PDB file of N, CA and C in Angstrom:
ATOM      1  N   MET A   1      97.380  74.813  51.839  1.00  0.00           N
ATOM      2  CA  MET A   1      97.251  73.092  50.567  1.00  0.00           C
ATOM      3  C   MET A   1      98.657  72.381  51.397  1.00  0.00           C
ATOM      4  N   THR A   2      98.836  71.078  51.347  1.00  0.00           N
ATOM      5  CA  THR A   2      99.023  70.361  51.512  1.00  0.00           C
ATOM      6  C   THR A   2      99.985  69.177  50.557  1.00  0.00           C
ATOM      7  N   LYS A   3     101.347  69.501  50.970  1.00  0.00           N
ATOM      8  CA  LYS A   3     102.092  68.492  50.024  1.00  0.00           C
ATOM      9  C   LYS A   3     102.480  67.455  50.332  1.00  0.00           C
ATOM     10  N   LYS A   4     101.788  66.545  48.724  1.00  0.00           N
ATOM     11  CA  LYS A   4     101.621  65.227  49.249  1.00  0.00           C
ATOM     12  C   LYS A   4     102.965  64.134  48.480  1.00  0.00           C
ATOM     13  N   ILE A   5     103.701  63.709  49.059  1.00  0.00           N
ATOM     14  CA  ILE A   5     104.752  62.842  48.242  1.00  0.00           C
ATOM     15  C   ILE A   5     104.043  61.530  48.059  1.00  0.00           C
ATOM     16  N   ASN A   6     104.076  60.399  46.802  1.00  0.00           N
ATOM     17  CA  ASN A   6     103.475  59.477  46.209  1.00  0.00           C
ATOM     18  C   ASN A   6     102.399  59.310  46.812  1.00  0.00           C
ATOM     19  N   GLY A   7     101.179  60.874  47.265  1.00  0.00           N
ATOM     20  CA  GLY A   7      99.954  60.250  47.350  1.00  0.00           C
ATOM     21  C   GLY A   7     100.053  60.361  49.140  1.00  0.00           C
ATOM     22  N   LYS A   8     100.445  60.216  49.847  1.00  0.00           N
ATOM     23  CA  LYS A   8     100.643  60.769  51.372  1.00  0.00           C
ATOM     24  C   LYS A   8     101.302  61.947  51.506  1.00  0.00           C
ATOM     25  N   ILE A   9     101.139  62.334  53.158  1.00  0.00           N
ATOM     26  CA  ILE A   9     101.349  63.850  53.221  1.00  0.00           C
ATOM     27  C   ILE A   9     102.928  63.561  53.422  1.00  0.00           C
ATOM     28  N   GLU A  10     102.742  65.441  53.561  1.00  0.00           N
ATOM     29  CA  GLU A  10     104.837  65.134  54.093  1.00  0.00           C
ATOM     30  C   GLU A  10     104.808  64.691  55.599  1.00  0.00           C
ATOM     31  N   TRP A  11     105.458  64.180  56.089  1.00  0.00           N
ATOM     32  CA  TRP A  11     105.753  64.292  57.549  1.00  0.00           C
ATOM     33  C   TRP A  11     106.068  65.136  57.493  1.00  0.00           C
ATOM     34  N   SER A  12     106.672  66.537  57.695  1.00  0.00           N
ATOM     35  CA  SER A  12     107.404  67.551  58.170  1.00  0.00           C
ATOM     36  C   SER A  12     105.660  67.681  58.685  1.00  0.00           C
ATOM     37  N   MET A  13     104.292  67.819  58.136  1.00  0.00           N
ATOM     38  CA  MET A  13     103.414  68.912  58.079  1.00  0.00           C
ATOM     39  C   MET A  13     102.872  67.741  59.072  1.00  0.00           C
ATOM     40  N   ILE A  14     102.900  66.713  59.219  1.00  0.00           N
ATOM     41  CA  ILE A  14     101.957  66.024  60.633  1.00  0.00           C
ATOM     42  C   ILE A  14     102.429  66.262  61.528  1.00  0.00           C
ATOM     43  N   ALA A  15     104.208  66.017  61.339  1.00  0.00           N
ATOM     44  CA  ALA A  15     104.746  66.402  63.567  1.00  0.00           C
ATOM     45  C   ALA A  15     104.176  67.944  63.347  1.00  0.00           C
ATOM     46  N   ALA A  16     104.465  69.662  62.333  1.00  0.00           N
ATOM     47  CA  ALA A  16     103.676  70.468  62.720  1.00  0.00           C
ATOM     48  C   ALA A  16     102.336  70.402  63.107  1.00  0.00           C
ATOM     49  N   ILE A  17     101.302  69.771  62.136  1.00  0.00           N
ATOM     50  CA  ILE A  17      99.837  69.610  63.246  1.00  0.00           C
ATOM     51  C   ILE A  17     100.027  68.956  64.462  1.00  0.00           C
ATOM     52  N   PHE A  18     101.114  67.711  64.687  1.00  0.00           N
ATOM     53  CA  PHE A  18     101.261  66.889  66.160  1.00  0.00           C
ATOM     54  C   PHE A  18     101.617  68.530  67.265  1.00  0.00           C
ATOM     55  N   THR A  19     102.351  68.954  66.317  1.00  0.00           N
ATOM     56  CA  THR A  19     102.721  70.154  67.579  1.00  0.00           C
ATOM     57  C   THR A  19     102.056  71.090  68.204  1.00  0.00           C
ATOM     58  N   LEU A  20     101.518  71.370  67.306  1.00  0.00           N
ATOM     59  CA  LEU A  20     100.214  72.548  67.309  1.00  0.00           C
ATOM     60  C   LEU A  20      99.025  71.645  68.525  1.00  0.00           C
ATOM     61  N   ALA A  21      98.725  70.574  68.101  1.00  0.00           N
ATOM     62  CA  ALA A  21      97.543  69.858  68.933  1.00  0.00           C
ATOM     63  C   ALA A  21      97.627  69.069  70.296  1.00  0.00           C
ATOM     64  N   TRP A  22      98.873  68.649  70.409  1.00  0.00           N
ATOM     65  CA  TRP A  22      99.242  68.511  71.552  1.00  0.00           C
ATOM     66  C   TRP A  22      98.951  68.575  72.851  1.00  0.00           C
ATOM     67  N   PRO A  23      98.729  69.783  73.480  1.00  0.00           N
ATOM     68  CA  PRO A  23      98.499  70.508  74.322  1.00  0.00           C
ATOM     69  C   PRO A  23      96.810  70.626  74.381  1.00  0.00           C
ATOM     70  N   THR A  24      96.278  70.643  73.365  1.00  0.00           N
ATOM     71  CA  THR A  24      94.714  70.565  73.722  1.00  0.00           C
ATOM     72  C   THR A  24      94.608  69.546  73.772  1.00  0.00           C
ATOM     73  N   MET A  25      95.173  68.024  73.245  1.00  0.00           N
ATOM     74  CA  MET A  25      95.044  66.120  73.845  1.00  0.00           C
ATOM     75  C   MET A  25      95.024  66.483  75.382  1.00  0.00           C
ATOM     76  N   LEU A  26      96.140  66.995  75.708  1.00  0.00           N
ATOM     77  CA  LEU A  26      96.291  66.892  77.235  1.00  0.00           C
ATOM     78  C   LEU A  26      95.547  67.643  77.838  1.00  0.00           C
ATOM     79  N   GLU A  27      95.722  68.636  77.484  1.00  0.00           N
ATOM     80  CA  GLU A  27      94.214  69.257  78.528  1.00  0.00           C
ATOM     81  C   GLU A  27      92.620  68.701  78.380  1.00  0.00           C
ATOM     82  N   GLN A  28      92.860  67.989  77.376  1.00  0.00           N
ATOM     83  CA  GLN A  28      91.227  67.273  77.658  1.00  0.00           C
ATOM     84  C   GLN A  28      91.491  65.951  77.961  1.00  0.00           C
ATOM     85  N   LEU A  29      92.396  64.960  77.856  1.00  0.00           N
ATOM     86  CA  LEU A  29      93.123  63.827  78.596  1.00  0.00           C
ATOM     87  C   LEU A  29      92.448  64.100  80.640  1.00  0.00           C
ATOM     88  N   MET A  30      93.566  65.428  80.792  1.00  0.00           N
ATOM     89  CA  MET A  30      93.846  65.485  81.567  1.00  0.00           C
ATOM     90  C   MET A  30      91.851  65.714  82.819  1.00  0.00           C
ATOM     91  N   GLN A  31      90.882  66.881  81.683  1.00  0.00           N
ATOM     92  CA  GLN A  31      89.923  67.409  82.184  1.00  0.00           C
ATOM     93  C   GLN A  31      89.239  65.469  82.695  1.00  0.00           C
ATOM     94  N   THR A  32      89.335  64.794  81.451  1.00  0.00           N
ATOM     95  CA  THR A  32      88.562  63.629  81.914  1.00  0.00           C
ATOM     96  C   THR A  32      88.946  63.144  83.438  1.00  0.00           C
ATOM     97  N   ALA A  33      90.163  62.846  83.118  1.00  0.00           N
ATOM     98  CA  ALA A  33      90.962  61.951  84.924  1.00  0.00           C
ATOM     99  C   ALA A  33      90.220  63.058  85.697  1.00  0.00           C
ATOM    100  N   VAL A  34      89.967  64.684  85.655  1.00  0.00           N
ATOM    101  CA  VAL A  34      89.457  64.873  86.695  1.00  0.00           C
ATOM    102  C   VAL A  34      87.966  64.212  86.892  1.00  0.00           C
ATOM    103  N   GLN A  35      87.474  65.025  86.605  1.00  0.00           N
ATOM    104  CA  GLN A  35      85.957  64.547  85.958  1.00  0.00           C
ATOM    105  C   GLN A  35      85.203  62.512  86.542  1.00  0.00           C
ATOM    106  N   TYR A  36      86.488  61.914  86.396  1.00  0.00           N
ATOM    107  CA  TYR A  36      86.607  60.610  87.018  1.00  0.00           C
ATOM    108  C   TYR A  36      86.589  60.248  87.829  1.00  0.00           C
ATOM    109  N   ILE A  37      87.943  60.971  88.884  1.00  0.00           N
ATOM    110  CA  ILE A  37      87.852  61.285  90.350  1.00  0.00           C
ATOM    111  C   ILE A  37      87.007  61.586  90.748  1.00  0.00           C
ATOM    112  N   ASP A  38      87.019  63.302  90.351  1.00  0.00           N
ATOM    113  CA  ASP A  38      86.226  63.644  90.934  1.00  0.00           C
ATOM    114  C   ASP A  38      84.964  62.558  91.483  1.00  0.00           C
ATOM    115  N   THR A  39      84.196  62.348  90.474  1.00  0.00           N
ATOM    116  CA  THR A  39      82.822  61.435  90.586  1.00  0.00           C
ATOM    117  C   THR A  39      83.373  59.931  91.514  1.00  0.00           C
ATOM    118  N   ALA A  40      84.524  60.114  91.405  1.00  0.00           N
ATOM    119  CA  ALA A  40      85.612  58.120  92.297  1.00  0.00           C
ATOM    120  C   ALA A  40      84.831  58.801  93.836  1.00  0.00           C
ATOM    121  N   MET A  41      85.314  60.266  93.711  1.00  0.00           N
ATOM    122  CA  MET A  41      85.186  60.158  95.358  1.00  0.00           C
ATOM    123  C   MET A  41      84.270  60.674  95.473  1.00  0.00           C
ATOM    124  N   VAL A  42      83.420  61.145  95.612  1.00  0.00           N
ATOM    125  CA  VAL A  42      81.621  61.782  95.926  1.00  0.00           C
ATOM    126  C   VAL A  42      81.665  60.300  95.518  1.00  0.00           C
ATOM    127  N   GLY A  43      81.366  59.485  94.623  1.00  0.00           N
ATOM    128  CA  GLY A  43      80.695  58.491  94.252  1.00  0.00           C
ATOM    129  C   GLY A  43      79.904  57.908  95.687  1.00  0.00           C
ATOM    130  N   THR A  44      80.701  57.522  96.737  1.00  0.00           N
ATOM    131  CA  THR A  44      80.731  57.408  98.965  1.00  0.00           C
ATOM    132  C   THR A  44      79.831  57.929  98.975  1.00  0.00           C
ATOM    133  N   LEU A  45      79.402  58.826  99.044  1.00  0.00           N
ATOM    134  CA  LEU A  45      78.360  60.587  99.386  1.00  0.00           C
ATOM    135  C   LEU A  45      77.122  60.140  98.967  1.00  0.00           C
ATOM    136  N   GLY A  46      76.350  59.113  97.980  1.00  0.00           N
ATOM    137  CA  GLY A  46      75.268  59.119  97.857  1.00  0.00           C
ATOM    138  C   GLY A  46      74.569  59.709  96.224  1.00  0.00           C
ATOM    139  N   THR A  47      73.892  59.159  96.164  1.00  0.00           N
ATOM    140  CA  THR A  47      73.621  59.608  94.967  1.00  0.00           C
ATOM    141  C   THR A  47      73.188  61.246  94.478  1.00  0.00           C
ATOM    142  N   HIS A  48      72.604  62.434  95.411  1.00  0.00           N
ATOM    143  CA  HIS A  48      72.691  63.532  95.052  1.00  0.00           C
ATOM    144  C   HIS A  48      73.464  63.957  94.638  1.00  0.00           C
ATOM    145  N   ALA A  49      74.774  63.624  95.356  1.00  0.00           N
ATOM    146  CA  ALA A  49      76.316  64.276  95.777  1.00  0.00           C
ATOM    147  C   ALA A  49      76.657  63.717  94.546  1.00  0.00           C
ATOM    148  N   THR A  50      76.584  62.461  93.834  1.00  0.00           N
ATOM    149  CA  THR A  50      76.814  61.715  92.689  1.00  0.00           C
ATOM    150  C   THR A  50      76.254  62.680  91.155  1.00  0.00           C
ATOM    151  N   ALA A  51      74.908  62.705  91.547  1.00  0.00           N
ATOM    152  CA  ALA A  51      73.872  64.075  90.494  1.00  0.00           C
ATOM    153  C   ALA A  51      74.703  65.311  90.582  1.00  0.00           C
ATOM    154  N   ALA A  52      74.177  65.976  91.795  1.00  0.00           N
ATOM    155  CA  ALA A  52      75.385  67.489  91.259  1.00  0.00           C
ATOM    156  C   ALA A  52      77.104  66.961  91.135  1.00  0.00           C
ATOM    157  N   VAL A  53      77.957  66.199  90.751  1.00  0.00           N
ATOM    158  CA  VAL A  53      79.155  66.216  90.098  1.00  0.00           C
ATOM    159  C   VAL A  53      78.676  65.859  88.434  1.00  0.00           C
ATOM    160  N   GLY A  54      77.525  65.191  87.900  1.00  0.00           N
ATOM    161  CA  GLY A  54      77.067  64.758  87.357  1.00  0.00           C
ATOM    162  C   GLY A  54      76.573  65.830  86.154  1.00  0.00           C
ATOM    163  N   SER A  55      76.159  66.701  86.836  1.00  0.00           N
ATOM    164  CA  SER A  55      75.591  67.757  86.277  1.00  0.00           C
ATOM    165  C   SER A  55      76.926  69.383  85.683  1.00  0.00           C
ATOM    166  N   THR A  56      77.217  69.108  86.601  1.00  0.00           N
ATOM    167  CA  THR A  56      78.547  70.199  86.966  1.00  0.00           C
ATOM    168  C   THR A  56      79.679  69.352  85.446  1.00  0.00           C
ATOM    169  N   THR A  57      79.666  68.624  85.256  1.00  0.00           N
ATOM    170  CA  THR A  57      80.528  67.962  83.939  1.00  0.00           C
ATOM    171  C   THR A  57      79.365  67.619  82.652  1.00  0.00           C
ATOM    172  N   MET A  58      78.296  67.872  82.860  1.00  0.00           N
ATOM    173  CA  MET A  58      78.046  68.316  82.071  1.00  0.00           C
ATOM    174  C   MET A  58      77.674  69.741  80.986  1.00  0.00           C
ATOM    175  N   VAL A  59      77.687  70.415  82.833  1.00  0.00           N
ATOM    176  CA  VAL A  59      77.864  72.298  82.567  1.00  0.00           C
ATOM    177  C   VAL A  59      79.150  72.244  81.563  1.00  0.00           C
ATOM    178  N   ASN A  60      80.247  71.646  82.153  1.00  0.00           N
ATOM    179  CA  ASN A  60      81.979  71.422  81.366  1.00  0.00           C
ATOM    180  C   ASN A  60      82.025  71.600  80.389  1.00  0.00           C
ATOM    181  N   ARG A  61      81.391  70.211  80.121  1.00  0.00           N
ATOM    182  CA  ARG A  61      81.971  69.667  78.653  1.00  0.00           C
ATOM    183  C   ARG A  61      80.524  70.726  77.606  1.00  0.00           C
ATOM    184  N   LEU A  62      79.371  70.844  78.300  1.00  0.00           N
ATOM    185  CA  LEU A  62      79.048  73.025  76.990  1.00  0.00           C
ATOM    186  C   LEU A  62      79.505  72.934  77.111  1.00  0.00           C
ATOM    187  N   ARG A  63      80.835  73.829  77.754  1.00  0.00           N
ATOM    188  CA  ARG A  63      80.959  75.257  77.941  1.00  0.00           C
ATOM    189  C   ARG A  63      82.336  75.141  77.063  1.00  0.00           C
ATOM    190  N   GLY A  64      82.718  74.047  77.332  1.00  0.00           N
ATOM    191  CA  GLY A  64      83.570  74.119  76.034  1.00  0.00           C
ATOM    192  C   GLY A  64      83.700  73.890  74.948  1.00  0.00           C
ATOM    193  N   ARG A  65      82.822  73.984  75.062  1.00  0.00           N
ATOM    194  CA  ARG A  65      82.588  73.478  72.793  1.00  0.00           C
ATOM    195  C   ARG A  65      81.905  75.289  72.354  1.00  0.00           C
TER     196      ARG A  65
END
């Protein structure tokens, strides 16, 4: 049950949600950054290497669900 003051969610509730959610948001941001960096590093090696990185990226995204 959410506490509402004048039709708005109380700020302490928003702070609690953010406190619980920020580690997950940071982890997702870091995973995305690593995938971009991997693709950039391997991009100079050719299409087969880039396809390999792309396929592992898809596996990692599906595994995370």
